[in-house]
Amino acid sequence: MGLKIENGMITGYSGQEADLVIPEGVTKIADNVFEGHTEIVSVVFPEGLQEIGKESFMGCTSLQDVSLPDSVTAADSRAFYQCGAVQSVRLSKGLKKIGDQCFMGTAISSIELPFGLRYIGSGLSQTVSS
């Protein structure tokens, strides 16, 4: 699969999978890990994942949908930036932080924000198309 995992964190990726499955036990995806991997069409995130780092999936232009498990508390800046094929996003009920421009450059038309959200970075209102 090409994943490099250290202490529960994905720190590198050298694979070419279209359908990516993040294994159980991963609690964080480091910054820039999947950046520019245009072959990724779908990602299954495990329950227990807590944080998606900055620019983790930036430029994954074939990624179609994002569904975050309820364990995710932070999606950092530009985590899904310029993922133009993403049309729907399901946010974690436990999400506390959406970083700057997290979903900018996607094709989502609406997004439901969780009740306990504490921080919304810049660019979210520009993300949702009308």
C-alpha atoms as a PDB file:
ATOM      1  CA  MET A   1       0.000   0.000   0.000  1.00  0.00           C
ATOM      2  CA  GLY A   2       2.974   2.330   0.412  1.00  0.00           C
ATOM      3  CA  LEU A   3       2.025   3.901   3.758  1.00  0.00           C
ATOM      4  CA  LYS A   4       4.715   4.872   6.247  1.00  0.00           C
ATOM      5  CA  ILE A   5       3.254   4.857   9.778  1.00  0.00           C
ATOM      6  CA  GLU A   6       5.143   5.983  12.879  1.00  0.00           C
ATOM      7  CA  ASN A   7       3.528   6.003  16.341  1.00  0.00           C
ATOM      8  CA  GLY A   8      -0.002   6.054  14.926  1.00  0.00           C
ATOM      9  CA  MET A   9       0.732   8.825  12.406  1.00  0.00           C
ATOM     10  CA  ILE A  10       0.954   8.452   8.639  1.00  0.00           C
ATOM     11  CA  THR A  11       4.150  10.274   7.712  1.00  0.00           C
ATOM     12  CA  GLY A  12       4.627   9.158   4.117  1.00  0.00           C
ATOM     13  CA  TYR A  13       2.983   7.573   1.103  1.00  0.00           C
ATOM     14  CA  SER A  14       4.490   6.023  -2.007  1.00  0.00           C
ATOM     15  CA  GLY A  15       1.498   4.058  -3.311  1.00  0.00           C
ATOM     16  CA  GLN A  16      -0.716   4.468  -6.366  1.00  0.00           C
ATOM     17  CA  GLU A  17      -4.083   3.179  -5.087  1.00  0.00           C
ATOM     18  CA  ALA A  18      -7.304   4.709  -6.415  1.00  0.00           C
ATOM     19  CA  ASP A  19      -9.253   3.447  -3.389  1.00  0.00           C
ATOM     20  CA  LEU A  20      -7.244   4.196  -0.270  1.00  0.00           C
ATOM     21  CA  VAL A  21      -8.024   2.553   3.077  1.00  0.00           C
ATOM     22  CA  ILE A  22      -6.371   4.134   6.101  1.00  0.00           C
ATOM     23  CA  PRO A  23      -5.713   1.298   8.582  1.00  0.00           C
ATOM     24  CA  GLU A  24      -7.122   1.044  12.103  1.00  0.00           C
ATOM     25  CA  GLY A  25      -4.781   2.464  14.721  1.00  0.00           C
ATOM     26  CA  VAL A  26      -3.902   5.590  12.732  1.00  0.00           C
ATOM     27  CA  THR A  27      -4.723   8.684  14.807  1.00  0.00           C
ATOM     28  CA  LYS A  28      -3.145  11.405  12.653  1.00  0.00           C
ATOM     29  CA  ILE A  29      -2.314  12.075   9.023  1.00  0.00           C
ATOM     30  CA  ALA A  30       0.767  14.298   8.829  1.00  0.00           C
ATOM     31  CA  ASP A  31       1.041  17.430   6.703  1.00  0.00           C
ATOM     32  CA  ASN A  32       1.305  16.984   2.907  1.00  0.00           C
ATOM     33  CA  VAL A  33       1.290  13.150   2.985  1.00  0.00           C
ATOM     34  CA  PHE A  34      -1.076  12.575   0.045  1.00  0.00           C
ATOM     35  CA  GLU A  35      -0.590  15.965  -1.635  1.00  0.00           C
ATOM     36  CA  GLY A  36      -0.836  15.784  -5.421  1.00  0.00           C
ATOM     37  CA  HIS A  37      -1.784  12.097  -5.599  1.00  0.00           C
ATOM     38  CA  THR A  38      -4.272  12.568  -8.421  1.00  0.00           C
ATOM     39  CA  GLU A  39      -4.942   8.824  -8.643  1.00  0.00           C
ATOM     40  CA  ILE A  40      -6.812   8.760  -5.296  1.00  0.00           C
ATOM     41  CA  VAL A  41     -10.568   8.522  -5.943  1.00  0.00           C
ATOM     42  CA  SER A  42     -11.818   7.475  -2.486  1.00  0.00           C
ATOM     43  CA  VAL A  43     -10.504   7.312   1.064  1.00  0.00           C
ATOM     44  CA  VAL A  44     -11.873   5.254   3.946  1.00  0.00           C
ATOM     45  CA  PHE A  45     -10.882   6.837   7.244  1.00  0.00           C
ATOM     46  CA  PRO A  46     -10.850   4.657  10.400  1.00  0.00           C
ATOM     47  CA  GLU A  47     -12.758   5.411  13.565  1.00  0.00           C
ATOM     48  CA  GLY A  48     -10.065   6.596  15.972  1.00  0.00           C
ATOM     49  CA  LEU A  49      -8.494   9.034  13.498  1.00  0.00           C
ATOM     50  CA  GLN A  50      -8.259  12.389  15.279  1.00  0.00           C
ATOM     51  CA  GLU A  51      -6.423  14.849  13.036  1.00  0.00           C
ATOM     52  CA  ILE A  52      -5.917  15.489   9.341  1.00  0.00           C
ATOM     53  CA  GLY A  53      -2.814  17.622   8.845  1.00  0.00           C
ATOM     54  CA  LYS A  54      -2.215  20.677   6.693  1.00  0.00           C
ATOM     55  CA  GLU A  55      -2.440  20.102   2.937  1.00  0.00           C
ATOM     56  CA  SER A  56      -2.743  16.336   3.536  1.00  0.00           C
ATOM     57  CA  PHE A  57      -4.894  15.745   0.438  1.00  0.00           C
ATOM     58  CA  MET A  58      -4.249  19.034  -1.363  1.00  0.00           C
ATOM     59  CA  GLY A  59      -4.427  18.640  -5.133  1.00  0.00           C
ATOM     60  CA  CYS A  60      -5.976  15.158  -5.055  1.00  0.00           C
ATOM     61  CA  THR A  61      -8.106  16.162  -8.035  1.00  0.00           C
ATOM     62  CA  SER A  62      -9.792  12.755  -8.490  1.00  0.00           C
ATOM     63  CA  LEU A  63     -10.985  12.443  -4.868  1.00  0.00           C
ATOM     64  CA  GLN A  64     -14.781  12.385  -5.032  1.00  0.00           C
ATOM     65  CA  ASP A  65     -16.268  12.478  -1.528  1.00  0.00           C
ATOM     66  CA  VAL A  66     -15.069  13.047   2.027  1.00  0.00           C
ATOM     67  CA  SER A  67     -16.662  11.312   5.013  1.00  0.00           C
ATOM     68  CA  LEU A  68     -14.884  11.885   8.310  1.00  0.00           C
ATOM     69  CA  PRO A  69     -15.473   9.503  11.228  1.00  0.00           C
ATOM     70  CA  ASP A  70     -16.835  11.049  14.413  1.00  0.00           C
ATOM     71  CA  SER A  71     -13.449  10.699  16.116  1.00  0.00           C
ATOM     72  CA  VAL A  72     -11.876  13.436  13.938  1.00  0.00           C
ATOM     73  CA  THR A  73     -11.480  16.674  15.921  1.00  0.00           C
ATOM     74  CA  ALA A  74      -9.367  18.726  13.469  1.00  0.00           C
ATOM     75  CA  ALA A  75      -9.079  19.141   9.709  1.00  0.00           C
ATOM     76  CA  ASP A  76      -6.174  21.550   9.297  1.00  0.00           C
ATOM     77  CA  SER A  77      -5.551  24.299   6.752  1.00  0.00           C
ATOM     78  CA  ARG A  78      -5.954  23.340   3.096  1.00  0.00           C
ATOM     79  CA  ALA A  79      -6.395  19.652   4.041  1.00  0.00           C
ATOM     80  CA  PHE A  80      -8.640  19.107   0.981  1.00  0.00           C
ATOM     81  CA  TYR A  81      -7.670  22.243  -0.978  1.00  0.00           C
ATOM     82  CA  GLN A  82      -8.075  22.002  -4.758  1.00  0.00           C
ATOM     83  CA  CYS A  83      -9.765  18.595  -4.642  1.00  0.00           C
ATOM     84  CA  GLY A  84     -12.057  19.694  -7.465  1.00  0.00           C
ATOM     85  CA  ALA A  85     -14.021  16.436  -7.813  1.00  0.00           C
ATOM     86  CA  VAL A  86     -15.235  16.476  -4.186  1.00  0.00           C
ATOM     87  CA  GLN A  87     -18.967  17.157  -4.296  1.00  0.00           C
ATOM     88  CA  SER A  88     -20.070  16.004  -0.854  1.00  0.00           C
ATOM     89  CA  VAL A  89     -18.539  16.228   2.595  1.00  0.00           C
ATOM     90  CA  ARG A  90     -19.715  14.567   5.788  1.00  0.00           C
ATOM     91  CA  LEU A  91     -18.031  16.184   8.771  1.00  0.00           C
ATOM     92  CA  SER A  92     -17.292  14.436  12.058  1.00  0.00           C
ATOM     93  CA  LYS A  93     -19.763  15.082  14.864  1.00  0.00           C
ATOM     94  CA  GLY A  94     -16.696  15.556  17.077  1.00  0.00           C
ATOM     95  CA  LEU A  95     -15.038  18.137  14.806  1.00  0.00           C
ATOM     96  CA  LYS A  96     -13.742  21.161  16.732  1.00  0.00           C
ATOM     97  CA  LYS A  97     -11.574  22.855  14.079  1.00  0.00           C
ATOM     98  CA  ILE A  98     -11.782  23.465  10.335  1.00  0.00           C
ATOM     99  CA  GLY A  99      -8.561  25.129   9.194  1.00  0.00           C
ATOM    100  CA  ASP A 100      -8.172  27.956   6.684  1.00  0.00           C
ATOM    101  CA  GLN A 101      -9.251  27.087   3.132  1.00  0.00           C
ATOM    102  CA  CYS A 102      -9.766  23.469   4.185  1.00  0.00           C
ATOM    103  CA  PHE A 103     -12.277  22.696   1.408  1.00  0.00           C
ATOM    104  CA  MET A 104     -11.532  25.575  -0.986  1.00  0.00           C
ATOM    105  CA  GLY A 105     -11.394  24.518  -4.620  1.00  0.00           C
ATOM    106  CA  THR A 106     -13.861  21.659  -4.193  1.00  0.00           C
ATOM    107  CA  ALA A 107     -17.280  21.329  -5.847  1.00  0.00           C
ATOM    108  CA  ILE A 108     -19.376  21.087  -2.675  1.00  0.00           C
ATOM    109  CA  SER A 109     -22.648  23.008  -2.707  1.00  0.00           C
ATOM    110  CA  SER A 110     -23.563  22.689   0.973  1.00  0.00           C
ATOM    111  CA  ILE A 111     -22.037  21.569   4.232  1.00  0.00           C
ATOM    112  CA  GLU A 112     -23.579  20.786   7.614  1.00  0.00           C
ATOM    113  CA  LEU A 113     -21.484  22.065  10.492  1.00  0.00           C
ATOM    114  CA  PRO A 114     -21.338  20.037  13.722  1.00  0.00           C
ATOM    115  CA  PHE A 115     -22.735  21.564  16.917  1.00  0.00           C
ATOM    116  CA  GLY A 116     -19.449  21.561  18.892  1.00  0.00           C
ATOM    117  CA  LEU A 117     -17.328  23.288  16.218  1.00  0.00           C
ATOM    118  CA  ARG A 118     -15.084  25.898  17.894  1.00  0.00           C
ATOM    119  CA  TYR A 119     -12.958  27.244  15.030  1.00  0.00           C
ATOM    120  CA  ILE A 120     -13.777  27.860  11.382  1.00  0.00           C
ATOM    121  CA  GLY A 121     -10.866  29.155   9.349  1.00  0.00           C
ATOM    122  CA  SER A 122     -11.051  31.651   6.537  1.00  0.00           C
ATOM    123  CA  GLY A 123     -12.449  30.655   3.172  1.00  0.00           C
ATOM    124  CA  LEU A 124     -15.255  28.287   4.183  1.00  0.00           C
ATOM    125  CA  SER A 125     -18.025  30.572   2.931  1.00  0.00           C
ATOM    126  CA  GLN A 126     -16.171  30.958  -0.398  1.00  0.00           C
ATOM    127  CA  THR A 127     -15.936  27.177  -0.669  1.00  0.00           C
ATOM    128  CA  VAL A 128     -19.644  26.417  -0.877  1.00  0.00           C
ATOM    129  CA  SER A 129     -20.890  27.130  -4.387  1.00  0.00           C
ATOM    130  CA  SER A 130     -24.344  28.499  -5.005  1.00  0.00           C
END
